């Protein structure tokens, strides 16, 4: 690089090449830094969009799980109610069965007849 002319005294000022290479290096690195920043922004947008999709999917799945849990609770309550009703009906059937047996034993129509003992 040529040295610029110092206008006041007409002499040249020496500028080191190291300074110039440092300037070029900084200029190149700032260009390099800008490219990844742009790429990083695009990547970040893609990651954010992916995260948004994942968040929506998680929300949908959570809602579905909650709905299934409520359905399971309802079914469980229904099973318990049916079990109670079943026990109640079994008890009633036993009472009715015993009542019918008592009626049959008290009635002469249902008395067992021993035909062999009458023949002898």
PDB file of N, CA and C in Angstrom:
ATOM      1  N   UNK A   1       0.848  -1.162   0.000  1.00  0.00           N
ATOM      2  CA  UNK A   1       0.000   0.000   0.000  1.00  0.00           C
ATOM      3  C   UNK A   1       0.901   1.236   0.000  1.00  0.00           C
ATOM      4  N   UNK A   2       0.521   2.207  -0.764  1.00  0.00           N
ATOM      5  CA  UNK A   2       1.313   3.424  -0.852  1.00  0.00           C
ATOM      6  C   UNK A   2       1.032   4.292   0.351  1.00  0.00           C
ATOM      7  N   UNK A   3       2.043   5.032   0.750  1.00  0.00           N
ATOM      8  CA  UNK A   3       1.886   5.894   1.911  1.00  0.00           C
ATOM      9  C   UNK A   3       1.258   7.203   1.483  1.00  0.00           C
ATOM     10  N   UNK A   4       0.309   7.691   2.239  1.00  0.00           N
ATOM     11  CA  UNK A   4      -0.291   8.963   1.878  1.00  0.00           C
ATOM     12  C   UNK A   4       0.668  10.124   2.143  1.00  0.00           C
ATOM     13  N   UNK A   5       0.525  11.174   1.396  1.00  0.00           N
ATOM     14  CA  UNK A   5       1.359  12.369   1.517  1.00  0.00           C
ATOM     15  C   UNK A   5       0.847  13.215   2.668  1.00  0.00           C
ATOM     16  N   UNK A   6       1.756  13.591   3.562  1.00  0.00           N
ATOM     17  CA  UNK A   6       1.383  14.463   4.659  1.00  0.00           C
ATOM     18  C   UNK A   6       1.394  15.880   4.113  1.00  0.00           C
ATOM     19  N   UNK A   7       0.250  16.501   4.025  1.00  0.00           N
ATOM     20  CA  UNK A   7       0.115  17.784   3.348  1.00  0.00           C
ATOM     21  C   UNK A   7       0.835  18.910   4.075  1.00  0.00           C
ATOM     22  N   UNK A   8       0.988  18.872   5.344  1.00  0.00           N
ATOM     23  CA  UNK A   8       1.593  19.975   6.074  1.00  0.00           C
ATOM     24  C   UNK A   8       3.090  20.131   5.777  1.00  0.00           C
ATOM     25  N   UNK A   9       3.802  19.039   5.790  1.00  0.00           N
ATOM     26  CA  UNK A   9       5.243  19.208   5.589  1.00  0.00           C
ATOM     27  C   UNK A   9       5.740  18.555   4.311  1.00  0.00           C
ATOM     28  N   UNK A  10       4.840  17.929   3.544  1.00  0.00           N
ATOM     29  CA  UNK A  10       5.217  17.345   2.273  1.00  0.00           C
ATOM     30  C   UNK A  10       5.947  16.035   2.391  1.00  0.00           C
ATOM     31  N   UNK A  11       5.914  15.389   3.506  1.00  0.00           N
ATOM     32  CA  UNK A  11       6.578  14.112   3.665  1.00  0.00           C
ATOM     33  C   UNK A  11       5.551  12.988   3.664  1.00  0.00           C
ATOM     34  N   UNK A  12       6.045  11.814   3.406  1.00  0.00           N
ATOM     35  CA  UNK A  12       5.173  10.642   3.418  1.00  0.00           C
ATOM     36  C   UNK A  12       5.127  10.045   4.819  1.00  0.00           C
ATOM     37  N   UNK A  13       3.972   9.579   5.160  1.00  0.00           N
ATOM     38  CA  UNK A  13       3.815   8.906   6.439  1.00  0.00           C
ATOM     39  C   UNK A  13       3.817   7.413   6.163  1.00  0.00           C
ATOM     40  N   UNK A  14       4.575   6.684   6.906  1.00  0.00           N
ATOM     41  CA  UNK A  14       4.636   5.230   6.739  1.00  0.00           C
ATOM     42  C   UNK A  14       3.463   4.573   7.468  1.00  0.00           C
ATOM     43  N   UNK A  15       2.794   3.759   6.744  1.00  0.00           N
ATOM     44  CA  UNK A  15       1.722   2.963   7.331  1.00  0.00           C
ATOM     45  C   UNK A  15       2.131   1.516   7.180  1.00  0.00           C
ATOM     46  N   UNK A  16       2.094   0.799   8.254  1.00  0.00           N
ATOM     47  CA  UNK A  16       2.568  -0.572   8.197  1.00  0.00           C
ATOM     48  C   UNK A  16       1.571  -1.454   7.471  1.00  0.00           C
ATOM     49  N   UNK A  17       2.077  -2.484   6.805  1.00  0.00           N
ATOM     50  CA  UNK A  17       1.215  -3.434   6.106  1.00  0.00           C
ATOM     51  C   UNK A  17       0.430  -4.278   7.094  1.00  0.00           C
ATOM     52  N   UNK A  18       0.949  -4.435   8.261  1.00  0.00           N
ATOM     53  CA  UNK A  18       0.242  -5.192   9.281  1.00  0.00           C
ATOM     54  C   UNK A  18      -1.065  -4.501   9.613  1.00  0.00           C
ATOM     55  N   UNK A  19      -1.040  -3.176   9.662  1.00  0.00           N
ATOM     56  CA  UNK A  19      -2.265  -2.429   9.933  1.00  0.00           C
ATOM     57  C   UNK A  19      -3.267  -2.664   8.818  1.00  0.00           C
ATOM     58  N   UNK A  20      -2.787  -2.649   7.568  1.00  0.00           N
ATOM     59  CA  UNK A  20      -3.676  -2.845   6.421  1.00  0.00           C
ATOM     60  C   UNK A  20      -4.240  -4.258   6.414  1.00  0.00           C
ATOM     61  N   UNK A  21      -3.425  -5.241   6.714  1.00  0.00           N
ATOM     62  CA  UNK A  21      -3.913  -6.617   6.722  1.00  0.00           C
ATOM     63  C   UNK A  21      -4.901  -6.824   7.860  1.00  0.00           C
ATOM     64  N   UNK A  22      -4.652  -6.116   8.975  1.00  0.00           N
ATOM     65  CA  UNK A  22      -5.592  -6.213  10.083  1.00  0.00           C
ATOM     66  C   UNK A  22      -6.948  -5.629   9.685  1.00  0.00           C
ATOM     67  N   UNK A  23      -6.919  -4.508   8.966  1.00  0.00           N
ATOM     68  CA  UNK A  23      -8.159  -3.871   8.505  1.00  0.00           C
ATOM     69  C   UNK A  23      -8.912  -4.810   7.555  1.00  0.00           C
ATOM     70  N   UNK A  24      -8.163  -5.382   6.604  1.00  0.00           N
ATOM     71  CA  UNK A  24      -8.785  -6.306   5.647  1.00  0.00           C
ATOM     72  C   UNK A  24      -9.339  -7.532   6.371  1.00  0.00           C
ATOM     73  N   UNK A  25      -8.585  -8.010   7.337  1.00  0.00           N
ATOM     74  CA  UNK A  25      -9.016  -9.175   8.094  1.00  0.00           C
ATOM     75  C   UNK A  25     -10.325  -8.878   8.839  1.00  0.00           C
ATOM     76  N   UNK A  26     -10.369  -7.678   9.457  1.00  0.00           N
ATOM     77  CA  UNK A  26     -11.595  -7.294  10.170  1.00  0.00           C
ATOM     78  C   UNK A  26     -12.749  -7.150   9.201  1.00  0.00           C
ATOM     79  N   UNK A  27     -12.467  -6.585   8.026  1.00  0.00           N
ATOM     80  CA  UNK A  27     -13.519  -6.384   7.027  1.00  0.00           C
ATOM     81  C   UNK A  27     -14.041  -7.742   6.555  1.00  0.00           C
ATOM     82  N   UNK A  28     -13.126  -8.686   6.289  1.00  0.00           N
ATOM     83  CA  UNK A  28     -13.531 -10.017   5.865  1.00  0.00           C
ATOM     84  C   UNK A  28     -14.321 -10.725   6.975  1.00  0.00           C
ATOM     85  N   UNK A  29     -13.842 -10.616   8.194  1.00  0.00           N
ATOM     86  CA  UNK A  29     -14.514 -11.311   9.287  1.00  0.00           C
ATOM     87  C   UNK A  29     -15.907 -10.732   9.518  1.00  0.00           C
ATOM     88  N   UNK A  30     -16.079  -9.429   9.300  1.00  0.00           N
ATOM     89  CA  UNK A  30     -17.415  -8.868   9.473  1.00  0.00           C
ATOM     90  C   UNK A  30     -18.344  -9.382   8.388  1.00  0.00           C
ATOM     91  N   UNK A  31     -17.825  -9.591   7.173  1.00  0.00           N
ATOM     92  CA  UNK A  31     -18.648 -10.183   6.110  1.00  0.00           C
ATOM     93  C   UNK A  31     -18.986 -11.629   6.458  1.00  0.00           C
ATOM     94  N   UNK A  32     -17.982 -12.346   6.953  1.00  0.00           N
ATOM     95  CA  UNK A  32     -18.196 -13.734   7.327  1.00  0.00           C
ATOM     96  C   UNK A  32     -19.193 -13.819   8.473  1.00  0.00           C
ATOM     97  N   UNK A  33     -19.094 -12.886   9.408  1.00  0.00           N
ATOM     98  CA  UNK A  33     -20.018 -12.895  10.540  1.00  0.00           C
ATOM     99  C   UNK A  33     -21.435 -12.594  10.095  1.00  0.00           C
ATOM    100  N   UNK A  34     -21.596 -11.737   9.096  1.00  0.00           N
ATOM    101  CA  UNK A  34     -22.939 -11.402   8.621  1.00  0.00           C
ATOM    102  C   UNK A  34     -23.609 -12.597   7.970  1.00  0.00           C
ATOM    103  N   UNK A  35     -22.880 -13.371   7.203  1.00  0.00           N
ATOM    104  CA  UNK A  35     -23.465 -14.525   6.516  1.00  0.00           C
ATOM    105  C   UNK A  35     -24.000 -15.548   7.513  1.00  0.00           C
ATOM    106  N   UNK A  36     -23.222 -15.951   8.503  1.00  0.00           N
ATOM    107  CA  UNK A  36     -23.777 -16.896   9.470  1.00  0.00           C
ATOM    108  C   UNK A  36     -24.935 -16.293  10.259  1.00  0.00           C
ATOM    109  N   UNK A  37     -24.861 -14.989  10.521  1.00  0.00           N
ATOM    110  CA  UNK A  37     -25.958 -14.368  11.252  1.00  0.00           C
ATOM    111  C   UNK A  37     -27.245 -14.493  10.461  1.00  0.00           C
ATOM    112  N   UNK A  38     -27.166 -14.252   9.149  1.00  0.00           N
ATOM    113  CA  UNK A  38     -28.347 -14.402   8.295  1.00  0.00           C
ATOM    114  C   UNK A  38     -28.796 -15.851   8.285  1.00  0.00           C
ATOM    115  N   UNK A  39     -27.816 -16.760   8.178  1.00  0.00           N
ATOM    116  CA  UNK A  39     -28.160 -18.178   8.187  1.00  0.00           C
ATOM    117  C   UNK A  39     -28.712 -18.583   9.545  1.00  0.00           C
ATOM    118  N   UNK A  40     -28.129 -18.032  10.597  1.00  0.00           N
ATOM    119  CA  UNK A  40     -28.602 -18.354  11.934  1.00  0.00           C
ATOM    120  C   UNK A  40     -30.028 -17.854  12.136  1.00  0.00           C
ATOM    121  N   UNK A  41     -30.319 -16.670  11.591  1.00  0.00           N
ATOM    122  CA  UNK A  41     -31.688 -16.149  11.694  1.00  0.00           C
ATOM    123  C   UNK A  41     -32.662 -17.061  10.967  1.00  0.00           C
ATOM    124  N   UNK A  42     -32.285 -17.528   9.782  1.00  0.00           N
ATOM    125  CA  UNK A  42     -33.146 -18.438   9.023  1.00  0.00           C
ATOM    126  C   UNK A  42     -33.295 -19.753   9.777  1.00  0.00           C
ATOM    127  N   UNK A  43     -32.179 -20.242  10.318  1.00  0.00           N
ATOM    128  CA  UNK A  43     -32.238 -21.479  11.102  1.00  0.00           C
ATOM    129  C   UNK A  43     -33.100 -21.291  12.349  1.00  0.00           C
ATOM    130  N   UNK A  44     -32.968 -20.140  12.990  1.00  0.00           N
ATOM    131  CA  UNK A  44     -33.751 -19.872  14.186  1.00  0.00           C
ATOM    132  C   UNK A  44     -35.238 -19.785  13.847  1.00  0.00           C
ATOM    133  N   UNK A  45     -35.550 -19.178  12.689  1.00  0.00           N
ATOM    134  CA  UNK A  45     -36.949 -19.123  12.266  1.00  0.00           C
ATOM    135  C   UNK A  45     -37.491 -20.521  12.025  1.00  0.00           C
ATOM    136  N   UNK A  46     -36.668 -21.367  11.402  1.00  0.00           N
ATOM    137  CA  UNK A  46     -37.092 -22.743  11.144  1.00  0.00           C
ATOM    138  C   UNK A  46     -37.272 -23.497  12.462  1.00  0.00           C
ATOM    139  N   UNK A  47     -36.355 -23.269  13.398  1.00  0.00           N
ATOM    140  CA  UNK A  47     -36.456 -23.926  14.706  1.00  0.00           C
ATOM    141  C   UNK A  47     -37.689 -23.431  15.445  1.00  0.00           C
ATOM    142  N   UNK A  48     -37.949 -22.124  15.386  1.00  0.00           N
ATOM    143  CA  UNK A  48     -39.138 -21.569  16.033  1.00  0.00           C
ATOM    144  C   UNK A  48     -40.410 -22.142  15.423  1.00  0.00           C
ATOM    145  N   UNK A  49     -40.442 -22.260  14.091  1.00  0.00           N
ATOM    146  CA  UNK A  49     -41.619 -22.842  13.421  1.00  0.00           C
ATOM    147  C   UNK A  49     -41.782 -24.300  13.832  1.00  0.00           C
ATOM    148  N   UNK A  50     -40.667 -25.015  13.911  1.00  0.00           N
ATOM    149  CA  UNK A  50     -40.717 -26.417  14.332  1.00  0.00           C
ATOM    150  C   UNK A  50     -41.174 -26.529  15.781  1.00  0.00           C
ATOM    151  N   UNK A  51     -40.667 -25.636  16.616  1.00  0.00           N
ATOM    152  CA  UNK A  51     -41.087 -25.622  18.022  1.00  0.00           C
ATOM    153  C   UNK A  51     -42.572 -25.308  18.140  1.00  0.00           C
ATOM    154  N   UNK A  52     -43.067 -24.394  17.302  1.00  0.00           N
ATOM    155  CA  UNK A  52     -44.486 -24.049  17.320  1.00  0.00           C
ATOM    156  C   UNK A  52     -45.324 -25.261  16.923  1.00  0.00           C
ATOM    157  N   UNK A  53     -44.873 -25.991  15.897  1.00  0.00           N
ATOM    158  CA  UNK A  53     -45.593 -27.194  15.462  1.00  0.00           C
ATOM    159  C   UNK A  53     -45.576 -28.231  16.580  1.00  0.00           C
ATOM    160  N   UNK A  54     -44.408 -28.408  17.208  1.00  0.00           N
ATOM    161  CA  UNK A  54     -44.307 -29.363  18.316  1.00  0.00           C
ATOM    162  C   UNK A  54     -45.193 -28.950  19.481  1.00  0.00           C
ATOM    163  N   UNK A  55     -45.244 -27.661  19.772  1.00  0.00           N
ATOM    164  CA  UNK A  55     -46.072 -27.165  20.864  1.00  0.00           C
ATOM    165  C   UNK A  55     -47.549 -27.414  20.570  1.00  0.00           C
ATOM    166  N   UNK A  56     -47.956 -27.157  19.333  1.00  0.00           N
ATOM    167  CA  UNK A  56     -49.350 -27.418  18.951  1.00  0.00           C
ATOM    168  C   UNK A  56     -49.670 -28.905  19.047  1.00  0.00           C
ATOM    169  N   UNK A  57     -48.731 -29.745  18.615  1.00  0.00           N
ATOM    170  CA  UNK A  57     -48.931 -31.196  18.678  1.00  0.00           C
ATOM    171  C   UNK A  57     -49.013 -31.651  20.140  1.00  0.00           C
ATOM    172  N   UNK A  58     -48.140 -31.120  20.983  1.00  0.00           N
ATOM    173  CA  UNK A  58     -48.172 -31.469  22.409  1.00  0.00           C
ATOM    174  C   UNK A  58     -49.497 -31.035  23.029  1.00  0.00           C
ATOM    175  N   UNK A  59     -49.948 -29.838  22.686  1.00  0.00           N
ATOM    176  CA  UNK A  59     -51.213 -29.339  23.221  1.00  0.00           C
ATOM    177  C   UNK A  59     -52.365 -30.228  22.784  1.00  0.00           C
ATOM    178  N   UNK A  60     -52.359 -30.621  21.517  1.00  0.00           N
ATOM    179  CA  UNK A  60     -53.413 -31.497  21.001  1.00  0.00           C
ATOM    180  C   UNK A  60     -53.386 -32.839  21.724  1.00  0.00           C
ATOM    181  N   UNK A  61     -52.192 -33.396  21.904  1.00  0.00           N
ATOM    182  CA  UNK A  61     -52.068 -34.687  22.588  1.00  0.00           C
ATOM    183  C   UNK A  61     -52.478 -34.591  24.055  1.00  0.00           C
ATOM    184  N   UNK A  62     -52.109 -33.503  24.709  1.00  0.00           N
ATOM    185  CA  UNK A  62     -52.504 -33.316  26.109  1.00  0.00           C
ATOM    186  C   UNK A  62     -54.015 -33.241  26.219  1.00  0.00           C
ATOM    187  N   UNK A  63     -54.642 -32.484  25.325  1.00  0.00           N
ATOM    188  CA  UNK A  63     -56.110 -32.393  25.337  1.00  0.00           C
ATOM    189  C   UNK A  63     -56.749 -33.746  25.081  1.00  0.00           C
ATOM    190  N   UNK A  64     -56.167 -34.511  24.174  1.00  0.00           N
ATOM    191  CA  UNK A  64     -56.696 -35.842  23.875  1.00  0.00           C
ATOM    192  C   UNK A  64     -56.541 -36.761  25.091  1.00  0.00           C
ATOM    193  N   UNK A  65     -55.406 -36.695  25.753  1.00  0.00           N
ATOM    194  CA  UNK A  65     -55.177 -37.515  26.946  1.00  0.00           C
ATOM    195  C   UNK A  65     -56.168 -37.141  28.041  1.00  0.00           C
ATOM    196  N   UNK A  66     -56.373 -35.832  28.238  1.00  0.00           N
ATOM    197  CA  UNK A  66     -57.330 -35.388  29.259  1.00  0.00           C
ATOM    198  C   UNK A  66     -58.738 -35.871  28.943  1.00  0.00           C
ATOM    199  N   UNK A  67     -59.111 -35.798  27.671  1.00  0.00           N
ATOM    200  CA  UNK A  67     -60.433 -36.281  27.267  1.00  0.00           C
ATOM    201  C   UNK A  67     -60.566 -37.782  27.527  1.00  0.00           C
ATOM    202  N   UNK A  68     -59.521 -38.535  27.208  1.00  0.00           N
ATOM    203  CA  UNK A  68     -59.542 -39.975  27.455  1.00  0.00           C
ATOM    204  C   UNK A  68     -59.580 -40.282  28.952  1.00  0.00           C
ATOM    205  N   UNK A  69     -58.896 -39.478  29.753  1.00  0.00           N
ATOM    206  CA  UNK A  69     -58.934 -39.675  31.202  1.00  0.00           C
ATOM    207  C   UNK A  69     -60.351 -39.461  31.737  1.00  0.00           C
ATOM    208  N   UNK A  70     -61.010 -38.421  31.233  1.00  0.00           N
ATOM    209  CA  UNK A  70     -62.393 -38.169  31.664  1.00  0.00           C
ATOM    210  C   UNK A  70     -63.303 -39.315  31.242  1.00  0.00           C
ATOM    211  N   UNK A  71     -63.107 -39.803  30.027  1.00  0.00           N
ATOM    212  CA  UNK A  71     -63.902 -40.928  29.547  1.00  0.00           C
ATOM    213  C   UNK A  71     -63.656 -42.154  30.423  1.00  0.00           C
ATOM    214  N   UNK A  72     -62.400 -42.405  30.772  1.00  0.00           N
ATOM    215  CA  UNK A  72     -62.061 -43.537  31.634  1.00  0.00           C
ATOM    216  C   UNK A  72     -62.695 -43.391  33.014  1.00  0.00           C
ATOM    217  N   UNK A  73     -62.661 -42.181  33.554  1.00  0.00           N
ATOM    218  CA  UNK A  73     -63.297 -41.948  34.857  1.00  0.00           C
ATOM    219  C   UNK A  73     -64.798 -42.220  34.777  1.00  0.00           C
ATOM    220  N   UNK A  74     -65.429 -41.765  33.686  1.00  0.00           N
ATOM    221  CA  UNK A  74     -66.867 -42.005  33.513  1.00  0.00           C
ATOM    222  C   UNK A  74     -67.165 -43.495  33.406  1.00  0.00           C
ATOM    223  N   UNK A  75     -66.343 -44.203  32.633  1.00  0.00           N
ATOM    224  CA  UNK A  75     -66.544 -45.648  32.481  1.00  0.00           C
ATOM    225  C   UNK A  75     -66.311 -46.381  33.798  1.00  0.00           C
ATOM    226  N   UNK A  76     -65.310 -45.950  34.533  1.00  0.00           N
ATOM    227  CA  UNK A  76     -65.027 -46.573  35.827  1.00  0.00           C
ATOM    228  C   UNK A  76     -66.200 -46.365  36.792  1.00  0.00           C
ATOM    229  N   UNK A  77     -66.745 -45.159  36.804  1.00  0.00           N
ATOM    230  CA  UNK A  77     -67.905 -44.883  37.660  1.00  0.00           C
ATOM    231  C   UNK A  77     -69.093 -45.735  37.234  1.00  0.00           C
ATOM    232  N   UNK A  78     -69.265 -45.898  35.928  1.00  0.00           N
ATOM    233  CA  UNK A  78     -70.372 -46.718  35.409  1.00  0.00           C
ATOM    234  C   UNK A  78     -70.188 -48.178  35.813  1.00  0.00           C
ATOM    235  N   UNK A  79     -68.959 -48.691  35.726  1.00  0.00           N
ATOM    236  CA  UNK A  79     -68.676 -50.073  36.131  1.00  0.00           C
ATOM    237  C   UNK A  79     -68.992 -50.256  37.611  1.00  0.00           C
ATOM    238  N   UNK A  80     -68.582 -49.290  38.440  1.00  0.00           N
ATOM    239  CA  UNK A  80     -68.877 -49.378  39.872  1.00  0.00           C
ATOM    240  C   UNK A  80     -70.382 -49.397  40.121  1.00  0.00           C
ATOM    241  N   UNK A  81     -71.121 -48.553  39.405  1.00  0.00           N
ATOM    242  CA  UNK A  81     -72.583 -48.510  39.567  1.00  0.00           C
ATOM    243  C   UNK A  81     -73.213 -49.833  39.148  1.00  0.00           C
ATOM    244  N   UNK A  82     -72.727 -50.415  38.057  1.00  0.00           N
ATOM    245  CA  UNK A  82     -73.263 -51.694  37.578  1.00  0.00           C
ATOM    246  C   UNK A  82     -72.942 -52.805  38.576  1.00  0.00           C
ATOM    247  N   UNK A  83     -71.745 -52.771  39.165  1.00  0.00           N
ATOM    248  CA  UNK A  83     -71.382 -53.776  40.173  1.00  0.00           C
ATOM    249  C   UNK A  83     -72.325 -53.692  41.376  1.00  0.00           C
ATOM    250  N   UNK A  84     -72.588 -52.474  41.824  1.00  0.00           N
ATOM    251  CA  UNK A  84     -73.501 -52.297  42.951  1.00  0.00           C
ATOM    252  C   UNK A  84     -74.902 -52.802  42.606  1.00  0.00           C
ATOM    253  N   UNK A  85     -75.356 -52.449  41.413  1.00  0.00           N
ATOM    254  CA  UNK A  85     -76.683 -52.903  40.972  1.00  0.00           C
ATOM    255  C   UNK A  85     -76.723 -54.421  40.888  1.00  0.00           C
ATOM    256  N   UNK A  86     -75.655 -55.030  40.400  1.00  0.00           N
ATOM    257  CA  UNK A  86     -75.570 -56.483  40.285  1.00  0.00           C
ATOM    258  C   UNK A  86     -75.662 -57.138  41.671  1.00  0.00           C
ATOM    259  N   UNK A  87     -74.920 -56.614  42.628  1.00  0.00           N
ATOM    260  CA  UNK A  87     -74.973 -57.164  43.989  1.00  0.00           C
ATOM    261  C   UNK A  87     -76.371 -57.029  44.582  1.00  0.00           C
ATOM    262  N   UNK A  88     -76.987 -55.889  44.345  1.00  0.00           N
ATOM    263  CA  UNK A  88     -78.346 -55.654  44.848  1.00  0.00           C
ATOM    264  C   UNK A  88     -79.326 -56.665  44.241  1.00  0.00           C
ATOM    265  N   UNK A  89     -79.212 -56.867  42.926  1.00  0.00           N
ATOM    266  CA  UNK A  89     -80.115 -57.807  42.253  1.00  0.00           C
ATOM    267  C   UNK A  89     -79.870 -59.247  42.699  1.00  0.00           C
ATOM    268  N   UNK A  90     -78.605 -59.615  42.931  1.00  0.00           N
ATOM    269  CA  UNK A  90     -78.310 -60.962  43.433  1.00  0.00           C
ATOM    270  C   UNK A  90     -78.952 -61.177  44.795  1.00  0.00           C
ATOM    271  N   UNK A  91     -78.839 -60.161  45.636  1.00  0.00           N
ATOM    272  CA  UNK A  91     -79.434 -60.254  46.968  1.00  0.00           C
ATOM    273  C   UNK A  91     -80.957 -60.400  46.872  1.00  0.00           C
ATOM    274  N   UNK A  92     -81.544 -59.598  46.010  1.00  0.00           N
ATOM    275  CA  UNK A  92     -83.003 -59.687  45.818  1.00  0.00           C
ATOM    276  C   UNK A  92     -83.401 -61.057  45.271  1.00  0.00           C
ATOM    277  N   UNK A  93     -82.604 -61.589  44.349  1.00  0.00           N
ATOM    278  CA  UNK A  93     -82.894 -62.921  43.792  1.00  0.00           C
ATOM    279  C   UNK A  93     -82.822 -63.999  44.870  1.00  0.00           C
ATOM    280  N   UNK A  94     -81.850 -63.884  45.764  1.00  0.00           N
ATOM    281  CA  UNK A  94     -81.758 -64.854  46.858  1.00  0.00           C
ATOM    282  C   UNK A  94     -82.988 -64.778  47.768  1.00  0.00           C
ATOM    283  N   UNK A  95     -83.400 -63.570  48.073  1.00  0.00           N
ATOM    284  CA  UNK A  95     -84.588 -63.395  48.924  1.00  0.00           C
ATOM    285  C   UNK A  95     -85.815 -63.974  48.228  1.00  0.00           C
ATOM    286  N   UNK A  96     -85.976 -63.646  46.943  1.00  0.00           N
ATOM    287  CA  UNK A  96     -87.126 -64.171  46.194  1.00  0.00           C
ATOM    288  C   UNK A  96     -87.062 -65.696  46.069  1.00  0.00           C
ATOM    289  N   UNK A  97     -85.881 -66.224  45.846  1.00  0.00           N
ATOM    290  CA  UNK A  97     -85.729 -67.680  45.754  1.00  0.00           C
ATOM    291  C   UNK A  97     -86.105 -68.357  47.052  1.00  0.00           C
ATOM    292  N   UNK A  98     -85.658 -67.803  48.165  1.00  0.00           N
ATOM    293  CA  UNK A  98     -86.010 -68.352  49.473  1.00  0.00           C
ATOM    294  C   UNK A  98     -87.515 -68.244  49.719  1.00  0.00           C
ATOM    295  N   UNK A  99     -88.105 -67.131  49.334  1.00  0.00           N
ATOM    296  CA  UNK A  99     -89.549 -66.925  49.492  1.00  0.00           C
ATOM    297  C   UNK A  99     -90.334 -67.965  48.686  1.00  0.00           C
ATOM    298  N   UNK A 100     -89.902 -68.201  47.459  1.00  0.00           N
ATOM    299  CA  UNK A 100     -90.580 -69.188  46.600  1.00  0.00           C
ATOM    300  C   UNK A 100     -90.444 -70.590  47.190  1.00  0.00           C
ATOM    301  N   UNK A 101     -89.255 -70.924  47.677  1.00  0.00           N
ATOM    302  CA  UNK A 101     -89.068 -72.235  48.312  1.00  0.00           C
ATOM    303  C   UNK A 101     -89.994 -72.403  49.516  1.00  0.00           C
ATOM    304  N   UNK A 102     -90.103 -71.367  50.321  1.00  0.00           N
ATOM    305  CA  UNK A 102     -90.995 -71.421  51.490  1.00  0.00           C
ATOM    306  C   UNK A 102     -92.451 -71.603  51.062  1.00  0.00           C
ATOM    307  N   UNK A 103     -92.869 -70.891  50.016  1.00  0.00           N
ATOM    308  CA  UNK A 103     -94.241 -71.040  49.522  1.00  0.00           C
ATOM    309  C   UNK A 103     -94.484 -72.456  49.003  1.00  0.00           C
ATOM    310  N   UNK A 104     -93.520 -72.956  48.271  1.00  0.00           N
ATOM    311  CA  UNK A 104     -93.673 -74.296  47.694  1.00  0.00           C
ATOM    312  C   UNK A 104     -93.731 -75.358  48.801  1.00  0.00           C
ATOM    313  N   UNK A 105     -92.912 -75.218  49.829  1.00  0.00           N
ATOM    314  CA  UNK A 105     -92.923 -76.223  50.899  1.00  0.00           C
ATOM    315  C   UNK A 105     -94.209 -76.134  51.729  1.00  0.00           C
ATOM    316  N   UNK A 106     -94.794 -74.936  51.786  1.00  0.00           N
ATOM    317  CA  UNK A 106     -96.030 -74.779  52.558  1.00  0.00           C
ATOM    318  C   UNK A 106     -97.261 -75.215  51.772  1.00  0.00           C
ATOM    319  N   UNK A 107     -97.185 -75.306  50.494  1.00  0.00           N
ATOM    320  CA  UNK A 107     -98.340 -75.654  49.668  1.00  0.00           C
ATOM    321  C   UNK A 107     -98.385 -77.159  49.436  1.00  0.00           C
ATOM    322  N   UNK A 108     -99.594 -77.715  49.503  1.00  0.00           N
ATOM    323  CA  UNK A 108     -99.741 -79.153  49.268  1.00  0.00           C
ATOM    324  C   UNK A 108     -99.601 -79.500  47.787  1.00  0.00           C
ATOM    325  N   UNK A 109     -99.775 -78.565  46.919  1.00  0.00           N
ATOM    326  CA  UNK A 109     -99.647 -78.822  45.475  1.00  0.00           C
ATOM    327  C   UNK A 109     -98.219 -79.215  45.135  1.00  0.00           C
ATOM    328  N   UNK A 110     -97.286 -78.609  45.808  1.00  0.00           N
ATOM    329  CA  UNK A 110     -95.886 -78.859  45.484  1.00  0.00           C
ATOM    330  C   UNK A 110     -95.258 -79.924  46.378  1.00  0.00           C
ATOM    331  N   UNK A 111     -96.063 -80.590  47.216  1.00  0.00           N
ATOM    332  CA  UNK A 111     -95.532 -81.634  48.077  1.00  0.00           C
ATOM    333  C   UNK A 111     -95.128 -82.812  47.215  1.00  0.00           C
ATOM    334  N   UNK A 112     -94.000 -83.378  47.528  1.00  0.00           N
ATOM    335  CA  UNK A 112     -93.537 -84.542  46.783  1.00  0.00           C
ATOM    336  C   UNK A 112     -94.327 -85.754  47.256  1.00  0.00           C
ATOM    337  N   UNK A 113     -94.744 -86.526  46.326  1.00  0.00           N
ATOM    338  CA  UNK A 113     -95.457 -87.758  46.668  1.00  0.00           C
ATOM    339  C   UNK A 113     -94.566 -88.928  46.381  1.00  0.00           C
ATOM    340  N   UNK A 114     -94.525 -89.801  47.312  1.00  0.00           N
ATOM    341  CA  UNK A 114     -93.699 -90.989  47.140  1.00  0.00           C
ATOM    342  C   UNK A 114     -94.614 -92.102  46.668  1.00  0.00           C
ATOM    343  N   UNK A 115     -94.605 -92.390  45.378  1.00  0.00           N
ATOM    344  CA  UNK A 115     -95.515 -93.383  44.804  1.00  0.00           C
ATOM    345  C   UNK A 115     -95.158 -94.795  45.231  1.00  0.00           C
ATOM    346  N   UNK A 116     -93.941 -95.081  45.507  1.00  0.00           N
ATOM    347  CA  UNK A 116     -93.518 -96.414  45.915  1.00  0.00           C
ATOM    348  C   UNK A 116     -94.066 -96.740  47.301  1.00  0.00           C
ATOM    349  N   UNK A 117     -94.059 -95.776  48.206  1.00  0.00           N
ATOM    350  CA  UNK A 117     -94.519 -96.063  49.566  1.00  0.00           C
ATOM    351  C   UNK A 117     -96.033 -96.269  49.591  1.00  0.00           C
ATOM    352  N   UNK A 118     -96.820 -95.670  48.672  1.00  0.00           N
ATOM    353  CA  UNK A 118     -98.268 -95.837  48.641  1.00  0.00           C
ATOM    354  C   UNK A 118     -98.611 -97.201  48.058  1.00  0.00           C
ATOM    355  N   UNK A 119     -97.853 -97.738  47.178  1.00  0.00           N
ATOM    356  CA  UNK A 119     -98.134 -99.019  46.544  1.00  0.00           C
ATOM    357  C   UNK A 119     -97.921-100.161  47.513  1.00  0.00           C
ATOM    358  N   UNK A 120     -97.083-100.060  48.432  1.00  0.00           N
ATOM    359  CA  UNK A 120     -96.784-101.161  49.322  1.00  0.00           C
ATOM    360  C   UNK A 120     -97.779-101.331  50.349  1.00  0.00           C
TER     361      UNK A 120
END
